[in-house]
Amino acid sequence: MSTKGKFALGAIVGAVAGVVAGVLTAPKSGKETRADLKDKAAELKEEAARRTDDVKSRSSEVAADVKHKAEDYKERGERAIDGAVEGARKGFYDKK
């Protein structure tokens, strides 16, 4: 996992811990506290789903970009090899 990924995961865990600690220490009845926890859990679930969708979208974009660049480099390499072979053939036949 990259440093950015570890940081993001740590930030999310820290945020969840902060929310839970805040809700549990608030002067409310058990019923109200459970309702608050349920609401916060639903919010966090929606946020996690949204971020997951964002990551999937970015991953698809990066994969497409990498594929395009790989195809470009492959074509460049093939042209370079073809040029080198042609140059070697010309040099070989010019010496005779």
PDB file of N, CA and C in Angstrom:
ATOM      1  N   MET A   1       0.849  -1.167   0.000  1.00  0.00           N
ATOM      2  CA  MET A   1       0.000   0.000   0.000  1.00  0.00           C
ATOM      3  C   MET A   1       0.896   1.232   0.000  1.00  0.00           C
ATOM      4  N   SER A   2       0.558   2.229  -0.807  1.00  0.00           N
ATOM      5  CA  SER A   2       1.360   3.434  -0.906  1.00  0.00           C
ATOM      6  C   SER A   2       1.210   4.293   0.354  1.00  0.00           C
ATOM      7  N   THR A   3       2.098   5.251   0.483  1.00  0.00           N
ATOM      8  CA  THR A   3       2.059   6.158   1.627  1.00  0.00           C
ATOM      9  C   THR A   3       0.749   6.946   1.637  1.00  0.00           C
ATOM     10  N   LYS A   4       0.299   7.362   0.450  1.00  0.00           N
ATOM     11  CA  LYS A   4      -0.965   8.106   0.363  1.00  0.00           C
ATOM     12  C   LYS A   4      -2.131   7.228   0.793  1.00  0.00           C
ATOM     13  N   GLY A   5      -2.095   5.966   0.374  1.00  0.00           N
ATOM     14  CA  GLY A   5      -3.160   5.037   0.749  1.00  0.00           C
ATOM     15  C   GLY A   5      -3.186   4.789   2.242  1.00  0.00           C
ATOM     16  N   LYS A   6      -1.998   4.653   2.836  1.00  0.00           N
ATOM     17  CA  LYS A   6      -1.920   4.442   4.280  1.00  0.00           C
ATOM     18  C   LYS A   6      -2.429   5.671   5.023  1.00  0.00           C
ATOM     19  N   PHE A   7      -2.065   6.843   4.516  1.00  0.00           N
ATOM     20  CA  PHE A   7      -2.514   8.078   5.158  1.00  0.00           C
ATOM     21  C   PHE A   7      -4.031   8.198   5.083  1.00  0.00           C
ATOM     22  N   ALA A   8      -4.590   7.919   3.895  1.00  0.00           N
ATOM     23  CA  ALA A   8      -6.047   8.015   3.719  1.00  0.00           C
ATOM     24  C   ALA A   8      -6.769   7.030   4.630  1.00  0.00           C
ATOM     25  N   LEU A   9      -6.254   5.808   4.701  1.00  0.00           N
ATOM     26  CA  LEU A   9      -6.864   4.807   5.578  1.00  0.00           C
ATOM     27  C   LEU A   9      -6.780   5.259   7.036  1.00  0.00           C
ATOM     28  N   GLY A  10      -5.645   5.793   7.443  1.00  0.00           N
ATOM     29  CA  GLY A  10      -5.491   6.296   8.809  1.00  0.00           C
ATOM     30  C   GLY A  10      -6.439   7.448   9.102  1.00  0.00           C
ATOM     31  N   ALA A  11      -6.613   8.324   8.118  1.00  0.00           N
ATOM     32  CA  ALA A  11      -7.531   9.459   8.291  1.00  0.00           C
ATOM     33  C   ALA A  11      -8.969   8.975   8.453  1.00  0.00           C
ATOM     34  N   ILE A  12      -9.346   7.986   7.662  1.00  0.00           N
ATOM     35  CA  ILE A  12     -10.709   7.452   7.759  1.00  0.00           C
ATOM     36  C   ILE A  12     -10.929   6.779   9.102  1.00  0.00           C
ATOM     37  N   VAL A  13      -9.964   5.958   9.510  1.00  0.00           N
ATOM     38  CA  VAL A  13     -10.083   5.280  10.812  1.00  0.00           C
ATOM     39  C   VAL A  13     -10.146   6.305  11.935  1.00  0.00           C
ATOM     40  N   GLY A  14      -9.320   7.336  11.848  1.00  0.00           N
ATOM     41  CA  GLY A  14      -9.333   8.388  12.863  1.00  0.00           C
ATOM     42  C   GLY A  14     -10.657   9.126  12.905  1.00  0.00           C
ATOM     43  N   ALA A  15     -11.218   9.405  11.740  1.00  0.00           N
ATOM     44  CA  ALA A  15     -12.513  10.093  11.683  1.00  0.00           C
ATOM     45  C   ALA A  15     -13.613   9.237  12.295  1.00  0.00           C
ATOM     46  N   VAL A  16     -13.604   7.955  11.969  1.00  0.00           N
ATOM     47  CA  VAL A  16     -14.610   7.045  12.528  1.00  0.00           C
ATOM     48  C   VAL A  16     -14.467   6.977  14.045  1.00  0.00           C
ATOM     49  N   ALA A  17     -13.236   6.842  14.518  1.00  0.00           N
ATOM     50  CA  ALA A  17     -13.008   6.777  15.964  1.00  0.00           C
ATOM     51  C   ALA A  17     -13.477   8.064  16.648  1.00  0.00           C
ATOM     52  N   GLY A  18     -13.222   9.200  16.019  1.00  0.00           N
ATOM     53  CA  GLY A  18     -13.660  10.476  16.582  1.00  0.00           C
ATOM     54  C   GLY A  18     -15.168  10.594  16.652  1.00  0.00           C
ATOM     55  N   VAL A  19     -15.833  10.153  15.608  1.00  0.00           N
ATOM     56  CA  VAL A  19     -17.299  10.213  15.589  1.00  0.00           C
ATOM     57  C   VAL A  19     -17.870   9.310  16.675  1.00  0.00           C
ATOM     58  N   VAL A  20     -17.350   8.085  16.748  1.00  0.00           N
ATOM     59  CA  VAL A  20     -17.852   7.143  17.755  1.00  0.00           C
ATOM     60  C   VAL A  20     -17.598   7.680  19.161  1.00  0.00           C
ATOM     61  N   ALA A  21     -16.409   8.197  19.413  1.00  0.00           N
ATOM     62  CA  ALA A  21     -16.099   8.729  20.735  1.00  0.00           C
ATOM     63  C   ALA A  21     -17.015   9.906  21.073  1.00  0.00           C
ATOM     64  N   GLY A  22     -17.247  10.769  20.095  1.00  0.00           N
ATOM     65  CA  GLY A  22     -18.121  11.922  20.327  1.00  0.00           C
ATOM     66  C   GLY A  22     -19.547  11.516  20.638  1.00  0.00           C
ATOM     67  N   VAL A  23     -20.038  10.546  19.901  1.00  0.00           N
ATOM     68  CA  VAL A  23     -21.416  10.096  20.111  1.00  0.00           C
ATOM     69  C   VAL A  23     -21.549   9.392  21.455  1.00  0.00           C
ATOM     70  N   LEU A  24     -20.581   8.563  21.772  1.00  0.00           N
ATOM     71  CA  LEU A  24     -20.677   7.793  23.017  1.00  0.00           C
ATOM     72  C   LEU A  24     -20.512   8.648  24.269  1.00  0.00           C
ATOM     73  N   THR A  25     -19.822   9.759  24.162  1.00  0.00           N
ATOM     74  CA  THR A  25     -19.616  10.608  25.345  1.00  0.00           C
ATOM     75  C   THR A  25     -20.660  11.717  25.465  1.00  0.00           C
ATOM     76  N   ALA A  26     -21.513  11.845  24.479  1.00  0.00           N
ATOM     77  CA  ALA A  26     -22.556  12.872  24.537  1.00  0.00           C
ATOM     78  C   ALA A  26     -23.605  12.488  25.586  1.00  0.00           C
ATOM     79  N   PRO A  27     -24.130  13.490  26.275  1.00  0.00           N
ATOM     80  CA  PRO A  27     -25.121  13.212  27.322  1.00  0.00           C
ATOM     81  C   PRO A  27     -26.512  12.941  26.737  1.00  0.00           C
ATOM     82  N   LYS A  28     -26.688  11.738  26.187  1.00  0.00           N
ATOM     83  CA  LYS A  28     -27.967  11.356  25.593  1.00  0.00           C
ATOM     84  C   LYS A  28     -28.368  10.000  26.142  1.00  0.00           C
ATOM     85  N   SER A  29     -29.605   9.667  25.925  1.00  0.00           N
ATOM     86  CA  SER A  29     -30.086   8.346  26.349  1.00  0.00           C
ATOM     87  C   SER A  29     -29.506   7.278  25.415  1.00  0.00           C
ATOM     88  N   GLY A  30     -29.584   6.040  25.828  1.00  0.00           N
ATOM     89  CA  GLY A  30     -29.090   4.939  25.020  1.00  0.00           C
ATOM     90  C   GLY A  30     -29.787   4.864  23.682  1.00  0.00           C
ATOM     91  N   LYS A  31     -31.094   5.096  23.684  1.00  0.00           N
ATOM     92  CA  LYS A  31     -31.871   5.039  22.446  1.00  0.00           C
ATOM     93  C   LYS A  31     -31.397   6.118  21.472  1.00  0.00           C
ATOM     94  N   GLU A  32     -31.188   7.330  21.984  1.00  0.00           N
ATOM     95  CA  GLU A  32     -30.712   8.425  21.135  1.00  0.00           C
ATOM     96  C   GLU A  32     -29.299   8.146  20.620  1.00  0.00           C
ATOM     97  N   THR A  33     -28.471   7.604  21.510  1.00  0.00           N
ATOM     98  CA  THR A  33     -27.096   7.292  21.116  1.00  0.00           C
ATOM     99  C   THR A  33     -27.073   6.236  20.015  1.00  0.00           C
ATOM    100  N   ARG A  34     -27.872   5.195  20.152  1.00  0.00           N
ATOM    101  CA  ARG A  34     -27.938   4.158  19.113  1.00  0.00           C
ATOM    102  C   ARG A  34     -28.431   4.739  17.793  1.00  0.00           C
ATOM    103  N   ALA A  35     -29.412   5.624  17.870  1.00  0.00           N
ATOM    104  CA  ALA A  35     -29.932   6.255  16.650  1.00  0.00           C
ATOM    105  C   ALA A  35     -28.851   7.101  15.986  1.00  0.00           C
ATOM    106  N   ASP A  36     -28.097   7.850  16.811  1.00  0.00           N
ATOM    107  CA  ASP A  36     -27.000   8.660  16.273  1.00  0.00           C
ATOM    108  C   ASP A  36     -25.935   7.784  15.624  1.00  0.00           C
ATOM    109  N   LEU A  37     -25.585   6.684  16.287  1.00  0.00           N
ATOM    110  CA  LEU A  37     -24.587   5.770  15.732  1.00  0.00           C
ATOM    111  C   LEU A  37     -25.067   5.182  14.406  1.00  0.00           C
ATOM    112  N   LYS A  38     -26.336   4.839  14.348  1.00  0.00           N
ATOM    113  CA  LYS A  38     -26.901   4.274  13.124  1.00  0.00           C
ATOM    114  C   LYS A  38     -26.846   5.305  11.994  1.00  0.00           C
ATOM    115  N   ASP A  39     -27.199   6.544  12.302  1.00  0.00           N
ATOM    116  CA  ASP A  39     -27.165   7.611  11.300  1.00  0.00           C
ATOM    117  C   ASP A  39     -25.737   7.857  10.799  1.00  0.00           C
ATOM    118  N   LYS A  40     -24.813   7.928  11.737  1.00  0.00           N
ATOM    119  CA  LYS A  40     -23.409   8.169  11.363  1.00  0.00           C
ATOM    120  C   LYS A  40     -22.867   7.007  10.546  1.00  0.00           C
ATOM    121  N   ALA A  41     -23.226   5.786  10.918  1.00  0.00           N
ATOM    122  CA  ALA A  41     -22.777   4.615  10.162  1.00  0.00           C
ATOM    123  C   ALA A  41     -23.308   4.674   8.733  1.00  0.00           C
ATOM    124  N   ALA A  42     -24.549   5.081   8.567  1.00  0.00           N
ATOM    125  CA  ALA A  42     -25.131   5.202   7.228  1.00  0.00           C
ATOM    126  C   ALA A  42     -24.396   6.275   6.417  1.00  0.00           C
ATOM    127  N   GLU A  43     -24.085   7.396   7.058  1.00  0.00           N
ATOM    128  CA  GLU A  43     -23.342   8.461   6.373  1.00  0.00           C
ATOM    129  C   GLU A  43     -21.967   7.971   5.944  1.00  0.00           C
ATOM    130  N   LEU A  44     -21.278   7.288   6.850  1.00  0.00           N
ATOM    131  CA  LEU A  44     -19.940   6.785   6.541  1.00  0.00           C
ATOM    132  C   LEU A  44     -19.991   5.742   5.429  1.00  0.00           C
ATOM    133  N   LYS A  45     -21.026   4.915   5.425  1.00  0.00           N
ATOM    134  CA  LYS A  45     -21.180   3.909   4.379  1.00  0.00           C
ATOM    135  C   LYS A  45     -21.361   4.585   3.023  1.00  0.00           C
ATOM    136  N   GLU A  46     -22.198   5.612   2.977  1.00  0.00           N
ATOM    137  CA  GLU A  46     -22.407   6.344   1.722  1.00  0.00           C
ATOM    138  C   GLU A  46     -21.120   7.010   1.254  1.00  0.00           C
ATOM    139  N   GLU A  47     -20.389   7.610   2.192  1.00  0.00           N
ATOM    140  CA  GLU A  47     -19.121   8.259   1.848  1.00  0.00           C
ATOM    141  C   GLU A  47     -18.115   7.236   1.330  1.00  0.00           C
ATOM    142  N   ALA A  48     -18.033   6.092   1.975  1.00  0.00           N
ATOM    143  CA  ALA A  48     -17.114   5.038   1.529  1.00  0.00           C
ATOM    144  C   ALA A  48     -17.491   4.548   0.137  1.00  0.00           C
ATOM    145  N   ALA A  49     -18.774   4.399  -0.130  1.00  0.00           N
ATOM    146  CA  ALA A  49     -19.232   3.962  -1.453  1.00  0.00           C
ATOM    147  C   ALA A  49     -18.876   5.006  -2.510  1.00  0.00           C
ATOM    148  N   ARG A  50     -19.064   6.267  -2.164  1.00  0.00           N
ATOM    149  CA  ARG A  50     -18.733   7.339  -3.114  1.00  0.00           C
ATOM    150  C   ARG A  50     -17.244   7.342  -3.422  1.00  0.00           C
ATOM    151  N   ARG A  51     -16.441   7.228  -2.384  1.00  0.00           N
ATOM    152  CA  ARG A  51     -14.983   7.230  -2.590  1.00  0.00           C
ATOM    153  C   ARG A  51     -14.527   6.000  -3.367  1.00  0.00           C
ATOM    154  N   THR A  52     -15.159   4.872  -3.106  1.00  0.00           N
ATOM    155  CA  THR A  52     -14.831   3.652  -3.844  1.00  0.00           C
ATOM    156  C   THR A  52     -15.125   3.852  -5.329  1.00  0.00           C
ATOM    157  N   ASP A  53     -16.255   4.459  -5.628  1.00  0.00           N
ATOM    158  CA  ASP A  53     -16.599   4.739  -7.026  1.00  0.00           C
ATOM    159  C   ASP A  53     -15.582   5.685  -7.660  1.00  0.00           C
ATOM    160  N   ASP A  54     -15.151   6.699  -6.899  1.00  0.00           N
ATOM    161  CA  ASP A  54     -14.138   7.629  -7.400  1.00  0.00           C
ATOM    162  C   ASP A  54     -12.835   6.899  -7.720  1.00  0.00           C
ATOM    163  N   VAL A  55     -12.415   6.033  -6.814  1.00  0.00           N
ATOM    164  CA  VAL A  55     -11.170   5.293  -7.013  1.00  0.00           C
ATOM    165  C   VAL A  55     -11.286   4.376  -8.233  1.00  0.00           C
ATOM    166  N   LYS A  56     -12.421   3.699  -8.369  1.00  0.00           N
ATOM    167  CA  LYS A  56     -12.625   2.826  -9.536  1.00  0.00           C
ATOM    168  C   LYS A  56     -12.559   3.637 -10.820  1.00  0.00           C
ATOM    169  N   SER A  57     -13.186   4.800 -10.822  1.00  0.00           N
ATOM    170  CA  SER A  57     -13.188   5.649 -12.005  1.00  0.00           C
ATOM    171  C   SER A  57     -11.771   6.095 -12.349  1.00  0.00           C
ATOM    172  N   ARG A  58     -11.044   6.547 -11.354  1.00  0.00           N
ATOM    173  CA  ARG A  58      -9.659   6.983 -11.585  1.00  0.00           C
ATOM    174  C   ARG A  58      -8.798   5.814 -12.043  1.00  0.00           C
ATOM    175  N   SER A  59      -9.004   4.654 -11.460  1.00  0.00           N
ATOM    176  CA  SER A  59      -8.233   3.476 -11.851  1.00  0.00           C
ATOM    177  C   SER A  59      -8.468   3.144 -13.313  1.00  0.00           C
ATOM    178  N   SER A  60      -9.704   3.235 -13.759  1.00  0.00           N
ATOM    179  CA  SER A  60     -10.022   2.966 -15.157  1.00  0.00           C
ATOM    180  C   SER A  60      -9.327   3.981 -16.073  1.00  0.00           C
ATOM    181  N   GLU A  61      -9.337   5.228 -15.661  1.00  0.00           N
ATOM    182  CA  GLU A  61      -8.684   6.267 -16.458  1.00  0.00           C
ATOM    183  C   GLU A  61      -7.185   6.027 -16.539  1.00  0.00           C
ATOM    184  N   VAL A  62      -6.573   5.698 -15.410  1.00  0.00           N
ATOM    185  CA  VAL A  62      -5.130   5.444 -15.387  1.00  0.00           C
ATOM    186  C   VAL A  62      -4.794   4.217 -16.229  1.00  0.00           C
ATOM    187  N   ALA A  63      -5.590   3.174 -16.118  1.00  0.00           N
ATOM    188  CA  ALA A  63      -5.350   1.957 -16.900  1.00  0.00           C
ATOM    189  C   ALA A  63      -5.433   2.258 -18.399  1.00  0.00           C
ATOM    190  N   ALA A  64      -6.412   3.032 -18.806  1.00  0.00           N
ATOM    191  CA  ALA A  64      -6.546   3.385 -20.219  1.00  0.00           C
ATOM    192  C   ALA A  64      -5.355   4.214 -20.684  1.00  0.00           C
ATOM    193  N   ASP A  65      -4.896   5.137 -19.848  1.00  0.00           N
ATOM    194  CA  ASP A  65      -3.742   5.966 -20.189  1.00  0.00           C
ATOM    195  C   ASP A  65      -2.478   5.116 -20.311  1.00  0.00           C
ATOM    196  N   VAL A  66      -2.281   4.195 -19.375  1.00  0.00           N
ATOM    197  CA  VAL A  66      -1.104   3.327 -19.411  1.00  0.00           C
ATOM    198  C   VAL A  66      -1.144   2.447 -20.662  1.00  0.00           C
ATOM    199  N   LYS A  67      -2.310   1.918 -20.994  1.00  0.00           N
ATOM    200  CA  LYS A  67      -2.450   1.076 -22.188  1.00  0.00           C
ATOM    201  C   LYS A  67      -2.103   1.882 -23.438  1.00  0.00           C
ATOM    202  N   HIS A  68      -2.608   3.107 -23.516  1.00  0.00           N
ATOM    203  CA  HIS A  68      -2.329   3.967 -24.671  1.00  0.00           C
ATOM    204  C   HIS A  68      -0.831   4.239 -24.789  1.00  0.00           C
ATOM    205  N   LYS A  69      -0.196   4.558 -23.674  1.00  0.00           N
ATOM    206  CA  LYS A  69       1.242   4.844 -23.696  1.00  0.00           C
ATOM    207  C   LYS A  69       2.041   3.598 -24.064  1.00  0.00           C
ATOM    208  N   ALA A  70       1.638   2.440 -23.551  1.00  0.00           N
ATOM    209  CA  ALA A  70       2.336   1.199 -23.872  1.00  0.00           C
ATOM    210  C   ALA A  70       2.247   0.903 -25.368  1.00  0.00           C
ATOM    211  N   GLU A  71       1.068   1.108 -25.955  1.00  0.00           N
ATOM    212  CA  GLU A  71       0.904   0.890 -27.395  1.00  0.00           C
ATOM    213  C   GLU A  71       1.778   1.860 -28.189  1.00  0.00           C
ATOM    214  N   ASP A  72       1.851   3.111 -27.730  1.00  0.00           N
ATOM    215  CA  ASP A  72       2.683   4.111 -28.394  1.00  0.00           C
ATOM    216  C   ASP A  72       4.151   3.710 -28.331  1.00  0.00           C
ATOM    217  N   TYR A  73       4.625   3.296 -27.154  1.00  0.00           N
ATOM    218  CA  TYR A  73       6.022   2.882 -27.014  1.00  0.00           C
ATOM    219  C   TYR A  73       6.313   1.633 -27.843  1.00  0.00           C
ATOM    220  N   LYS A  74       5.359   0.732 -27.933  1.00  0.00           N
ATOM    221  CA  LYS A  74       5.534  -0.471 -28.741  1.00  0.00           C
ATOM    222  C   LYS A  74       5.716  -0.086 -30.203  1.00  0.00           C
ATOM    223  N   GLU A  75       4.856   0.811 -30.697  1.00  0.00           N
ATOM    224  CA  GLU A  75       4.969   1.257 -32.088  1.00  0.00           C
ATOM    225  C   GLU A  75       6.296   1.958 -32.334  1.00  0.00           C
ATOM    226  N   ARG A  76       6.730   2.785 -31.406  1.00  0.00           N
ATOM    227  CA  ARG A  76       8.024   3.468 -31.549  1.00  0.00           C
ATOM    228  C   ARG A  76       9.162   2.460 -31.594  1.00  0.00           C
ATOM    229  N   GLY A  77       9.085   1.465 -30.705  1.00  0.00           N
ATOM    230  CA  GLY A  77      10.119   0.436 -30.680  1.00  0.00           C
ATOM    231  C   GLY A  77      10.165  -0.353 -31.970  1.00  0.00           C
ATOM    232  N   GLU A  78       8.993  -0.704 -32.495  1.00  0.00           N
ATOM    233  CA  GLU A  78       8.941  -1.444 -33.764  1.00  0.00           C
ATOM    234  C   GLU A  78       9.535  -0.616 -34.900  1.00  0.00           C
ATOM    235  N   ARG A  79       9.221   0.686 -34.919  1.00  0.00           N
ATOM    236  CA  ARG A  79       9.779   1.551 -35.963  1.00  0.00           C
ATOM    237  C   ARG A  79      11.290   1.661 -35.823  1.00  0.00           C
ATOM    238  N   ALA A  80      11.768   1.767 -34.584  1.00  0.00           N
ATOM    239  CA  ALA A  80      13.218   1.860 -34.364  1.00  0.00           C
ATOM    240  C   ALA A  80      13.920   0.584 -34.807  1.00  0.00           C
ATOM    241  N   ILE A  81      13.317  -0.567 -34.489  1.00  0.00           N
ATOM    242  CA  ILE A  81      13.915  -1.843 -34.897  1.00  0.00           C
ATOM    243  C   ILE A  81      13.905  -1.967 -36.415  1.00  0.00           C
ATOM    244  N   ASP A  82      12.777  -1.635 -37.029  1.00  0.00           N
ATOM    245  CA  ASP A  82      12.694  -1.692 -38.493  1.00  0.00           C
ATOM    246  C   ASP A  82      13.745  -0.785 -39.123  1.00  0.00           C
ATOM    247  N   GLY A  83      13.915   0.405 -38.583  1.00  0.00           N
ATOM    248  CA  GLY A  83      14.927   1.335 -39.104  1.00  0.00           C
ATOM    249  C   GLY A  83      16.333   0.797 -38.930  1.00  0.00           C
ATOM    250  N   ALA A  84      16.602   0.187 -37.781  1.00  0.00           N
ATOM    251  CA  ALA A  84      17.931  -0.367 -37.539  1.00  0.00           C
ATOM    252  C   ALA A  84      18.215  -1.531 -38.481  1.00  0.00           C
ATOM    253  N   VAL A  85      17.227  -2.379 -38.692  1.00  0.00           N
ATOM    254  CA  VAL A  85      17.390  -3.517 -39.606  1.00  0.00           C
ATOM    255  C   VAL A  85      17.622  -3.007 -41.027  1.00  0.00           C
ATOM    256  N   GLU A  86      16.840  -2.053 -41.433  1.00  0.00           N
ATOM    257  CA  GLU A  86      16.996  -1.494 -42.784  1.00  0.00           C
ATOM    258  C   GLU A  86      18.373  -0.846 -42.939  1.00  0.00           C
ATOM    259  N   GLY A  87      18.787  -0.122 -41.928  1.00  0.00           N
ATOM    260  CA  GLY A  87      20.115   0.500 -41.982  1.00  0.00           C
ATOM    261  C   GLY A  87      21.218  -0.536 -42.027  1.00  0.00           C
ATOM    262  N   ALA A  88      21.063  -1.615 -41.270  1.00  0.00           N
ATOM    263  CA  ALA A  88      22.074  -2.674 -41.285  1.00  0.00           C
ATOM    264  C   ALA A  88      22.117  -3.347 -42.651  1.00  0.00           C
ATOM    265  N   ARG A  89      20.964  -3.568 -43.268  1.00  0.00           N
ATOM    266  CA  ARG A  89      20.913  -4.200 -44.602  1.00  0.00           C
ATOM    267  C   ARG A  89      21.607  -3.296 -45.639  1.00  0.00           C
ATOM    268  N   LYS A  90      21.282  -2.014 -45.584  1.00  0.00           N
ATOM    269  CA  LYS A  90      21.908  -1.099 -46.536  1.00  0.00           C
ATOM    270  C   LYS A  90      23.415  -1.060 -46.350  1.00  0.00           C
ATOM    271  N   GLY A  91      23.835  -1.023 -45.107  1.00  0.00           N
ATOM    272  CA  GLY A  91      25.279  -0.994 -44.831  1.00  0.00           C
ATOM    273  C   GLY A  91      25.962  -2.271 -45.279  1.00  0.00           C
ATOM    274  N   PHE A  92      25.310  -3.395 -45.140  1.00  0.00           N
ATOM    275  CA  PHE A  92      25.866  -4.684 -45.531  1.00  0.00           C
ATOM    276  C   PHE A  92      26.020  -4.747 -47.054  1.00  0.00           C
ATOM    277  N   TYR A  93      24.966  -4.342 -47.763  1.00  0.00           N
ATOM    278  CA  TYR A  93      25.015  -4.420 -49.230  1.00  0.00           C
ATOM    279  C   TYR A  93      25.872  -3.328 -49.840  1.00  0.00           C
ATOM    280  N   ASP A  94      26.030  -2.198 -49.173  1.00  0.00           N
ATOM    281  CA  ASP A  94      26.880  -1.122 -49.684  1.00  0.00           C
ATOM    282  C   ASP A  94      28.335  -1.535 -49.640  1.00  0.00           C
ATOM    283  N   LYS A  95      28.738  -2.397 -48.724  1.00  0.00           N
ATOM    284  CA  LYS A  95      30.131  -2.827 -48.581  1.00  0.00           C
ATOM    285  C   LYS A  95      30.539  -3.811 -49.673  1.00  0.00           C
ATOM    286  N   LYS A  96      29.596  -4.461 -50.289  1.00  0.00           N
ATOM    287  CA  LYS A  96      29.922  -5.464 -51.321  1.00  0.00           C
ATOM    288  C   LYS A  96      30.213  -4.849 -52.640  1.00  0.00           C
TER     289      LYS A  96
END
